[in-house]
Amino acid sequence: MDNNSNYLLLAFGPMGGASDVEEHSKTAVSTGPVKLTDPTAKATVSPPEKSIMAKVHGLFMVLAWLSCASGGIIAAAHMKATWTDVKVNCMRICVLVSFLQYNYSRHRI
């Protein structure tokens, strides 16, 4: 697949009033990659399949968010005194690792 080609995920639905956007009720997926920088590119779309794997993925994502968010809130509330000395050094390491990972991923493509 070309680096400039992307699959399109579309969501659309009714409008309530002049600028009232309601919940998206319909979705569509492009059948192939589309080069967004090409003004003459055409995409064909089809309704997405609601597979069991997509539903299982969504369930696990919700469970992961619930467990990680609640764990982070509890850790932030009860371990505040413990992390005061570590915070500055950890932030420096996190920035360095993020910078290295970003550069590695940019040059790897």
C-alpha atoms as a PDB file:
ATOM      1  CA  MET A   1       0.000   0.000   0.000  1.00  0.00           C
ATOM      2  CA  ASP A   2       1.233   3.473  -0.855  1.00  0.00           C
ATOM      3  CA  ASN A   3       2.094   5.700   2.128  1.00  0.00           C
ATOM      4  CA  ASN A   4      -0.245   8.385   0.788  1.00  0.00           C
ATOM      5  CA  SER A   5      -3.218   6.033   0.415  1.00  0.00           C
ATOM      6  CA  ASN A   6      -5.729   5.558   3.208  1.00  0.00           C
ATOM      7  CA  TYR A   7      -8.934   3.663   3.803  1.00  0.00           C
ATOM      8  CA  LEU A   8     -11.914   5.911   4.458  1.00  0.00           C
ATOM      9  CA  LEU A   9     -14.283   5.384   7.386  1.00  0.00           C
ATOM     10  CA  LEU A  10     -17.421   7.458   6.981  1.00  0.00           C
ATOM     11  CA  ALA A  11     -20.140   8.221   9.524  1.00  0.00           C
ATOM     12  CA  PHE A  12     -23.194  10.334   8.826  1.00  0.00           C
ATOM     13  CA  GLY A  13     -26.608  10.999  10.230  1.00  0.00           C
ATOM     14  CA  PRO A  14     -29.504  13.442  10.398  1.00  0.00           C
ATOM     15  CA  MET A  15     -29.343  17.095  11.385  1.00  0.00           C
ATOM     16  CA  GLY A  16     -31.828  18.326  13.963  1.00  0.00           C
ATOM     17  CA  GLY A  17     -31.882  21.989  13.048  1.00  0.00           C
ATOM     18  CA  ALA A  18     -29.769  24.661  11.385  1.00  0.00           C
ATOM     19  CA  SER A  19     -26.546  23.484  13.013  1.00  0.00           C
ATOM     20  CA  ASP A  20     -27.740  20.698  15.343  1.00  0.00           C
ATOM     21  CA  VAL A  21     -25.862  17.515  14.491  1.00  0.00           C
ATOM     22  CA  GLU A  22     -27.446  14.372  15.901  1.00  0.00           C
ATOM     23  CA  GLU A  23     -25.926  10.966  16.573  1.00  0.00           C
ATOM     24  CA  HIS A  24     -24.361   9.228  13.561  1.00  0.00           C
ATOM     25  CA  SER A  25     -26.721   6.511  12.445  1.00  0.00           C
ATOM     26  CA  LYS A  26     -25.106   5.247   9.236  1.00  0.00           C
ATOM     27  CA  THR A  27     -21.562   4.206   8.451  1.00  0.00           C
ATOM     28  CA  ALA A  28     -19.603   3.141   5.386  1.00  0.00           C
ATOM     29  CA  VAL A  29     -16.077   1.898   4.626  1.00  0.00           C
ATOM     30  CA  SER A  30     -14.042   2.340   1.441  1.00  0.00           C
ATOM     31  CA  THR A  31     -13.470  -0.926  -0.404  1.00  0.00           C
ATOM     32  CA  GLY A  32      -9.851  -0.026  -1.151  1.00  0.00           C
ATOM     33  CA  PRO A  33      -7.181   2.537  -0.301  1.00  0.00           C
ATOM     34  CA  VAL A  34      -7.718   6.068  -1.612  1.00  0.00           C
ATOM     35  CA  LYS A  35      -4.938   8.550  -2.397  1.00  0.00           C
ATOM     36  CA  LEU A  36      -6.189  11.691  -0.625  1.00  0.00           C
ATOM     37  CA  THR A  37      -3.679  13.987  -2.342  1.00  0.00           C
ATOM     38  CA  ASP A  38      -5.073  13.102  -5.793  1.00  0.00           C
ATOM     39  CA  PRO A  39      -8.108  15.303  -6.603  1.00  0.00           C
ATOM     40  CA  THR A  40      -9.286  12.877  -9.289  1.00  0.00           C
ATOM     41  CA  ALA A  41      -9.244   9.835  -6.980  1.00  0.00           C
ATOM     42  CA  LYS A  42     -12.564   8.059  -6.583  1.00  0.00           C
ATOM     43  CA  ALA A  43     -13.589   5.780  -3.757  1.00  0.00           C
ATOM     44  CA  THR A  44     -16.244   3.127  -3.601  1.00  0.00           C
ATOM     45  CA  VAL A  45     -17.786   2.464  -0.217  1.00  0.00           C
ATOM     46  CA  SER A  46     -19.717  -0.405   1.265  1.00  0.00           C
ATOM     47  CA  PRO A  47     -21.455  -0.936   4.611  1.00  0.00           C
ATOM     48  CA  PRO A  48     -19.062  -2.302   7.235  1.00  0.00           C
ATOM     49  CA  GLU A  49     -19.415  -5.832   8.507  1.00  0.00           C
ATOM     50  CA  LYS A  50     -20.256  -6.116  12.176  1.00  0.00           C
ATOM     51  CA  SER A  51     -18.187  -9.172  12.956  1.00  0.00           C
ATOM     52  CA  ILE A  52     -17.955 -10.873  16.315  1.00  0.00           C
ATOM     53  CA  MET A  53     -14.268  -9.940  16.456  1.00  0.00           C
ATOM     54  CA  ALA A  54     -15.117  -6.230  16.194  1.00  0.00           C
ATOM     55  CA  LYS A  55     -17.580  -6.591  19.062  1.00  0.00           C
ATOM     56  CA  VAL A  56     -15.066  -8.527  21.185  1.00  0.00           C
ATOM     57  CA  HIS A  57     -12.440  -5.869  20.421  1.00  0.00           C
ATOM     58  CA  GLY A  58     -14.839  -3.144  21.537  1.00  0.00           C
ATOM     59  CA  LEU A  59     -15.644  -5.025  24.743  1.00  0.00           C
ATOM     60  CA  PHE A  60     -11.974  -5.466  25.605  1.00  0.00           C
ATOM     61  CA  MET A  61     -11.262  -1.795  24.868  1.00  0.00           C
ATOM     62  CA  VAL A  62     -14.028  -0.706  27.248  1.00  0.00           C
ATOM     63  CA  LEU A  63     -12.724  -3.050  29.955  1.00  0.00           C
ATOM     64  CA  ALA A  64      -9.170  -1.787  29.430  1.00  0.00           C
ATOM     65  CA  TRP A  65     -10.266   1.849  29.714  1.00  0.00           C
ATOM     66  CA  LEU A  66     -12.297   1.166  32.850  1.00  0.00           C
ATOM     67  CA  SER A  67      -9.489  -0.715  34.595  1.00  0.00           C
ATOM     68  CA  CYS A  68      -6.676   1.629  33.563  1.00  0.00           C
ATOM     69  CA  ALA A  69      -8.606   4.816  34.309  1.00  0.00           C
ATOM     70  CA  SER A  70      -9.760   3.652  37.735  1.00  0.00           C
ATOM     71  CA  GLY A  71      -6.288   2.326  38.552  1.00  0.00           C
ATOM     72  CA  GLY A  72      -4.722   5.644  37.525  1.00  0.00           C
ATOM     73  CA  ILE A  73      -7.177   7.640  39.615  1.00  0.00           C
ATOM     74  CA  ILE A  74      -6.535   5.483  42.680  1.00  0.00           C
ATOM     75  CA  ALA A  75      -2.753   5.647  42.186  1.00  0.00           C
ATOM     76  CA  ALA A  76      -2.849   9.435  41.751  1.00  0.00           C
ATOM     77  CA  ALA A  77      -4.949   9.901  44.880  1.00  0.00           C
ATOM     78  CA  HIS A  78      -3.119   7.559  47.241  1.00  0.00           C
ATOM     79  CA  MET A  79       0.494   7.648  46.049  1.00  0.00           C
ATOM     80  CA  LYS A  80       0.960  11.401  45.734  1.00  0.00           C
ATOM     81  CA  ALA A  81       3.585  11.631  48.491  1.00  0.00           C
ATOM     82  CA  THR A  82       5.564   8.675  47.140  1.00  0.00           C
ATOM     83  CA  TRP A  83       6.141  10.091  43.649  1.00  0.00           C
ATOM     84  CA  THR A  84       7.363  13.629  44.443  1.00  0.00           C
ATOM     85  CA  ASP A  85      11.098  12.766  44.178  1.00  0.00           C
ATOM     86  CA  VAL A  86      10.757  10.432  41.232  1.00  0.00           C
ATOM     87  CA  LYS A  87       8.594  12.737  39.128  1.00  0.00           C
ATOM     88  CA  VAL A  88      11.319  15.011  37.679  1.00  0.00           C
ATOM     89  CA  ASN A  89      13.659  12.181  36.676  1.00  0.00           C
ATOM     90  CA  CYS A  90      10.817  10.080  35.295  1.00  0.00           C
ATOM     91  CA  MET A  91       9.586  12.982  33.169  1.00  0.00           C
ATOM     92  CA  ARG A  92      13.058  13.422  31.665  1.00  0.00           C
ATOM     93  CA  ILE A  93      13.274   9.723  30.844  1.00  0.00           C
ATOM     94  CA  CYS A  94       9.749   9.704  29.364  1.00  0.00           C
ATOM     95  CA  VAL A  95      10.533  12.675  27.111  1.00  0.00           C
ATOM     96  CA  LEU A  96      13.769  11.050  25.959  1.00  0.00           C
ATOM     97  CA  VAL A  97      12.121   7.685  25.234  1.00  0.00           C
ATOM     98  CA  SER A  98       9.246   9.388  23.381  1.00  0.00           C
ATOM     99  CA  PHE A  99      11.692  11.406  21.284  1.00  0.00           C
ATOM    100  CA  LEU A 100      13.748   8.329  20.414  1.00  0.00           C
ATOM    101  CA  GLN A 101      10.676   6.277  19.563  1.00  0.00           C
ATOM    102  CA  TYR A 102       9.284   9.052  17.345  1.00  0.00           C
ATOM    103  CA  ASN A 103      12.555   9.375  15.423  1.00  0.00           C
ATOM    104  CA  TYR A 104      12.874   5.599  15.099  1.00  0.00           C
ATOM    105  CA  SER A 105       9.348   5.255  13.728  1.00  0.00           C
ATOM    106  CA  ARG A 106       9.811   8.159  11.262  1.00  0.00           C
ATOM    107  CA  HIS A 107      13.009   6.750   9.771  1.00  0.00           C
ATOM    108  CA  ARG A 108      11.736   3.180   9.680  1.00  0.00           C
ATOM    109  CA  ILE A 109       8.863   3.878   7.262  1.00  0.00           C
END
